[in-house]
């Protein structure tokens, strides 16, 4: 396929930890190049066009408690215990999203998800934790707004949790900061970008065009390494069978073989 417009290759970094390299890359592209007609993001999709993508909003919440001996719970606030309560609240938000929607059958799962995947805090077993930090993300459908979940979480902290723990220690606090926000991509089968990608891939639109990349077959460097190992194992097995046949032929022609034909 011949193109009448130039093609540019753009490389970023730290995509898995918040797309840290993308903002500066976009600023550079906007400064140095004309607005592109289409952007194709390389992902392991077995050369199938993926037309939509959930958004991701990464959030970090830090709970500041008040240290005291673990036997004196009335004199302190365990930040870890408060964090556990807040995590349960997030679980309720995620369950509500699954139950009430919005839903989109193109995605799996077909609803927005909220998960907490990192947590750290505390200093010793017998000390009420003075600090606890946990990180969570919102994977929102294109039809959903991730900010509404963050707003509900902040309101719960402000109206329910903070007044209670500050009765014990006024220094207690809950701080929530959005670390990264990548918008969702909505399906537009008639867009120039989609048509271009499908012409290049030689594919037609399908209902599974938004499958998660994690379910795609092996590809890229990992796929080549896996294929190389598989080829090597087959080659070794073939050599082993050849050697076995050769050894069998030598034994069959040995003078000590009673069944040897003269």
Protein backbone atom coordinates (compact mmCIF):
# COMPACT_ATOMS: atom_id res chain seq x y z
CA UNK A 1 0.00 0.00 0.00
CA UNK A 2 1.33 3.40 -1.03
CA UNK A 3 0.75 6.50 1.09
CA UNK A 4 0.68 10.05 -0.22
CA UNK A 5 1.24 11.49 3.25
CA UNK A 6 4.31 10.99 5.44
CA UNK A 7 4.35 8.43 8.23
CA UNK A 8 5.98 9.30 11.55
CA UNK A 9 7.07 6.83 14.23
CA UNK A 10 6.73 8.17 17.78
CA UNK A 11 8.18 6.36 20.81
CA UNK A 12 7.26 7.04 24.42
CA UNK A 13 8.26 5.55 27.78
CA UNK A 14 6.81 4.50 31.16
CA UNK A 15 3.46 3.69 29.60
CA UNK A 16 2.63 1.07 32.25
CA UNK A 17 3.25 3.41 35.19
CA UNK A 18 1.08 6.34 34.21
CA UNK A 19 2.02 7.22 30.60
CA UNK A 20 4.72 9.52 31.96
CA UNK A 21 6.36 10.10 28.60
CA UNK A 22 3.23 10.96 26.61
CA UNK A 23 2.58 14.62 27.66
CA UNK A 24 6.01 15.83 26.57
CA UNK A 25 5.76 13.75 23.40
CA UNK A 26 2.42 15.33 22.47
CA UNK A 27 3.78 18.82 23.09
CA UNK A 28 6.73 18.09 20.83
CA UNK A 29 4.55 16.66 18.06
CA UNK A 30 2.21 19.65 18.18
CA UNK A 31 5.17 21.99 17.94
CA UNK A 32 7.20 20.24 15.24
CA UNK A 33 4.62 18.49 13.04
CA UNK A 34 1.22 19.20 11.47
CA UNK A 35 -1.85 17.62 13.05
CA UNK A 36 -1.90 13.91 12.10
CA UNK A 37 -4.82 12.40 10.21
CA UNK A 38 -4.64 9.21 12.29
CA UNK A 39 -2.71 7.67 15.16
CA UNK A 40 -2.15 3.92 15.33
CA UNK A 41 -1.00 2.68 18.74
CA UNK A 42 0.87 -0.61 18.62
CA UNK A 43 -0.50 -3.26 20.99
CA UNK A 44 -0.40 -7.10 20.97
CA UNK A 45 -3.72 -7.64 19.15
CA UNK A 46 -2.68 -10.38 16.69
CA UNK A 47 -2.82 -7.76 13.90
CA UNK A 48 -6.52 -7.11 14.52
CA UNK A 49 -7.87 -3.57 14.68
CA UNK A 50 -9.06 -2.64 18.17
CA UNK A 51 -11.58 0.17 17.79
CA UNK A 52 -12.20 1.16 21.42
CA UNK A 53 -10.40 1.29 24.73
CA UNK A 54 -11.38 1.86 28.34
CA UNK A 55 -9.91 4.92 29.98
CA UNK A 56 -7.64 4.70 33.00
CA UNK A 57 -7.41 7.08 35.92
CA UNK A 58 -4.71 6.27 38.45
CA UNK A 59 -5.27 7.61 41.98
CA UNK A 60 -3.16 7.69 45.14
CA UNK A 61 -4.81 8.11 48.55
CA UNK A 62 -2.78 8.82 51.69
CA UNK A 63 -4.38 8.46 55.12
CA UNK A 64 -2.72 10.23 58.06
CA UNK A 65 -3.65 8.72 61.40
CA UNK A 66 -2.42 9.23 64.96
CA UNK A 67 0.07 6.83 66.50
CA UNK A 68 -0.55 5.25 69.89
CA UNK A 69 -0.02 1.87 71.52
CA UNK A 70 -2.22 -0.76 69.91
CA UNK A 71 -3.87 -1.43 73.29
CA UNK A 72 -4.94 2.24 73.52
CA UNK A 73 -7.21 2.49 70.50
CA UNK A 74 -9.18 5.34 72.09
CA UNK A 75 -6.05 7.50 72.02
CA UNK A 76 -5.06 7.04 68.40
CA UNK A 77 -6.24 6.36 64.87
CA UNK A 78 -4.83 3.52 62.79
CA UNK A 79 -4.33 4.82 59.26
CA UNK A 80 -4.31 1.24 58.00
CA UNK A 81 -7.73 0.56 59.52
CA UNK A 82 -9.12 3.73 57.98
CA UNK A 83 -7.61 2.79 54.62
CA UNK A 84 -9.26 -0.63 54.84
CA UNK A 85 -12.61 1.09 55.40
CA UNK A 86 -12.06 3.32 52.38
CA UNK A 87 -11.08 0.36 50.23
CA UNK A 88 -14.37 -1.30 51.14
CA UNK A 89 -16.15 1.85 50.00
CA UNK A 90 -14.35 1.63 46.64
CA UNK A 91 -15.41 -2.00 46.37
CA UNK A 92 -18.99 -0.83 46.79
CA UNK A 93 -18.56 1.73 44.01
CA UNK A 94 -17.18 -0.96 41.71
CA UNK A 95 -20.03 -3.32 42.54
CA UNK A 96 -22.51 -0.54 41.84
CA UNK A 97 -20.94 0.13 38.46
CA UNK A 98 -21.23 -3.54 37.54
CA UNK A 99 -24.86 -3.64 38.65
CA UNK A 100 -26.16 -0.28 37.45
CA UNK A 101 -23.95 0.41 34.45
CA UNK A 102 -23.48 1.89 32.01
CA UNK A 103 -22.73 -1.32 30.13
CA UNK A 104 -21.07 -1.93 26.78
CA UNK A 105 -21.00 -5.47 25.38
CA UNK A 106 -17.94 -4.69 23.28
CA UNK A 107 -15.80 -4.77 26.43
CA UNK A 108 -14.95 -7.55 28.84
CA UNK A 109 -16.04 -6.94 31.53
CA UNK A 110 -18.82 -4.81 30.08
CA UNK A 111 -18.72 -2.15 32.79
CA UNK A 112 -16.39 0.29 34.54
CA UNK A 113 -14.10 -1.29 37.15
CA UNK A 114 -12.41 0.10 40.25
CA UNK A 115 -9.55 -1.79 41.92
CA UNK A 116 -6.99 -1.18 44.66
CA UNK A 117 -3.68 -2.87 43.83
CA UNK A 118 -0.99 -1.36 46.08
CA UNK A 119 -1.01 -0.54 49.77
CA UNK A 120 1.70 0.28 52.31
CA UNK A 121 1.70 1.65 55.85
CA UNK A 122 2.42 1.20 59.53
CA UNK A 123 5.64 0.98 61.53
CA UNK A 124 5.21 -1.91 64.01
CA UNK A 125 2.74 -4.57 65.06
CA UNK A 126 1.96 -2.90 68.40
CA UNK A 127 1.66 0.71 67.14
CA UNK A 128 -1.45 2.21 65.58
CA UNK A 129 -0.35 3.11 62.06
CA UNK A 130 0.42 6.78 61.60
CA UNK A 131 0.27 6.66 57.82
CA UNK A 132 -1.05 4.45 55.04
CA UNK A 133 -1.02 4.91 51.27
CA UNK A 134 -2.94 2.89 48.72
CA UNK A 135 -3.15 3.26 44.96
CA UNK A 136 -6.23 2.51 42.91
CA UNK A 137 -7.46 2.93 39.38
CA UNK A 138 -10.71 3.49 37.53
CA UNK A 139 -11.06 1.75 34.17
CA UNK A 140 -14.01 3.62 32.70
CA UNK A 141 -16.09 2.86 29.65
CA UNK A 142 -16.25 5.56 26.96
CA UNK A 143 -19.86 6.16 28.08
CA UNK A 144 -18.86 6.65 31.73
CA UNK A 145 -17.17 9.47 33.64
CA UNK A 146 -14.35 8.37 35.98
CA UNK A 147 -14.44 11.67 37.84
CA UNK A 148 -17.83 10.85 39.33
CA UNK A 149 -16.33 7.91 41.24
CA UNK A 150 -13.49 10.05 42.57
CA UNK A 151 -16.00 12.73 43.58
CA UNK A 152 -18.14 10.18 45.44
CA UNK A 153 -15.04 8.85 47.21
CA UNK A 154 -13.90 12.33 48.25
CA UNK A 155 -17.36 13.21 49.52
CA UNK A 156 -17.46 10.05 51.63
CA UNK A 157 -14.07 10.91 53.10
CA UNK A 158 -15.06 14.51 53.79
CA UNK A 159 -18.56 13.93 55.18
CA UNK A 160 -18.31 10.56 56.91
CA UNK A 161 -14.76 9.47 57.76
CA UNK A 162 -12.81 12.65 58.51
CA UNK A 163 -15.25 14.08 61.09
CA UNK A 164 -15.13 10.82 63.03
CA UNK A 165 -11.35 10.36 63.15
CA UNK A 166 -10.67 14.04 63.83
CA UNK A 167 -12.64 13.76 67.04
CA UNK A 168 -9.72 11.65 68.29
CA UNK A 169 -6.91 13.61 66.64
CA UNK A 170 -7.35 16.86 64.74
CA UNK A 171 -4.20 16.15 62.71
CA UNK A 172 -5.79 13.18 60.93
CA UNK A 173 -6.22 13.64 57.20
CA UNK A 174 -7.11 11.92 53.93
CA UNK A 175 -5.46 13.19 50.75
CA UNK A 176 -6.37 11.87 47.31
CA UNK A 177 -4.43 12.81 44.17
CA UNK A 178 -4.99 11.68 40.58
CA UNK A 179 -1.63 10.45 39.26
CA UNK A 180 -2.59 9.81 35.65
CA UNK A 181 -5.66 10.16 33.46
CA UNK A 182 -5.95 8.59 30.03
CA UNK A 183 -9.30 9.12 28.28
CA UNK A 184 -11.31 6.26 26.86
CA UNK A 185 -11.53 5.76 23.09
CA UNK A 186 -14.99 5.54 21.58
CA UNK A 187 -15.84 3.42 18.52
CA UNK A 188 -16.32 5.37 15.28
CA UNK A 189 -16.39 2.84 12.42
CA UNK A 190 -16.75 5.57 9.81
CA UNK A 191 -13.74 7.61 10.89
CA UNK A 192 -10.79 8.06 8.54
CA UNK A 193 -8.46 6.56 11.13
CA UNK A 194 -10.50 3.36 11.49
CA UNK A 195 -10.87 2.92 7.76
CA UNK A 196 -7.13 3.41 7.27
CA UNK A 197 -6.25 0.88 9.94
CA UNK A 198 -8.63 -1.70 8.52
CA UNK A 199 -7.30 -1.25 5.00
CA UNK A 200 -3.76 -1.79 6.29
CA UNK A 201 -4.75 -4.87 8.29
CA UNK A 202 -7.15 -6.22 5.68
CA UNK A 203 -9.90 -6.74 8.24
CA UNK A 204 -13.57 -5.88 8.60
CA UNK A 205 -15.36 -4.55 11.70
CA UNK A 206 -16.40 -7.19 14.25
CA UNK A 207 -18.22 -7.25 17.57
CA UNK A 208 -15.03 -8.35 19.33
CA UNK A 209 -13.02 -5.30 18.26
CA UNK A 210 -12.64 -4.10 21.85
CA UNK A 211 -11.25 -7.30 23.37
CA UNK A 212 -8.56 -6.68 25.97
CA UNK A 213 -5.05 -6.98 24.57
CA UNK A 214 -4.23 -9.46 27.35
CA UNK A 215 -6.31 -12.09 25.55
CA UNK A 216 -4.45 -11.72 22.27
CA UNK A 217 -2.01 -14.35 21.10
CA UNK A 218 1.71 -14.08 21.77
CA UNK A 219 3.36 -11.39 19.67
CA UNK A 220 6.31 -9.05 19.58
CA UNK A 221 9.59 -9.96 21.29
CA UNK A 222 7.95 -12.38 23.71
CA UNK A 223 6.21 -14.16 20.83
CA UNK A 224 9.44 -14.42 18.83
CA UNK A 225 11.27 -15.80 21.86
CA UNK A 226 8.51 -18.34 22.46
CA UNK A 227 8.47 -19.35 18.79
CA UNK A 228 12.27 -19.67 18.78
CA UNK A 229 12.20 -21.94 21.81
CA UNK A 230 9.44 -24.04 20.28
CA UNK A 231 11.36 -24.34 16.99
CA UNK A 232 14.55 -25.28 18.88
CA UNK A 233 12.74 -27.95 20.91
CA UNK A 234 11.24 -29.45 17.75
CA UNK A 235 14.65 -29.40 16.06
CA UNK A 236 16.25 -31.15 19.05
CA UNK A 237 13.47 -33.73 19.13
CA UNK A 238 14.00 -34.34 15.42
CA UNK A 239 17.75 -34.83 15.93
CA UNK A 240 17.04 -37.22 18.81
CA UNK A 241 14.71 -39.32 16.66
CA UNK A 242 17.28 -39.34 13.84
CA UNK A 243 20.03 -40.50 16.19
CA UNK A 244 17.72 -43.19 17.57
CA UNK A 245 16.98 -44.50 14.08
CA UNK A 246 20.67 -44.46 13.17
CA UNK A 247 21.55 -46.32 16.36
CA UNK A 248 18.86 -48.89 15.64
CA UNK A 249 20.23 -49.45 12.12
CA UNK A 250 23.76 -49.93 13.46
CA UNK A 251 22.56 -52.49 15.98
CA UNK A 252 20.59 -54.27 13.28
CA UNK A 253 23.73 -54.66 11.15
CA UNK A 254 26.02 -55.66 14.02
CA UNK A 255 27.75 -59.11 13.71
CA UNK A 256 26.58 -59.86 17.25
CA UNK A 257 22.97 -59.51 16.20
CA UNK A 258 21.52 -63.02 15.85
CA UNK A 259 18.93 -61.76 13.36
CA UNK A 260 21.53 -60.18 11.09
CA UNK A 261 21.06 -60.91 7.41
CA UNK A 262 24.25 -61.91 5.54
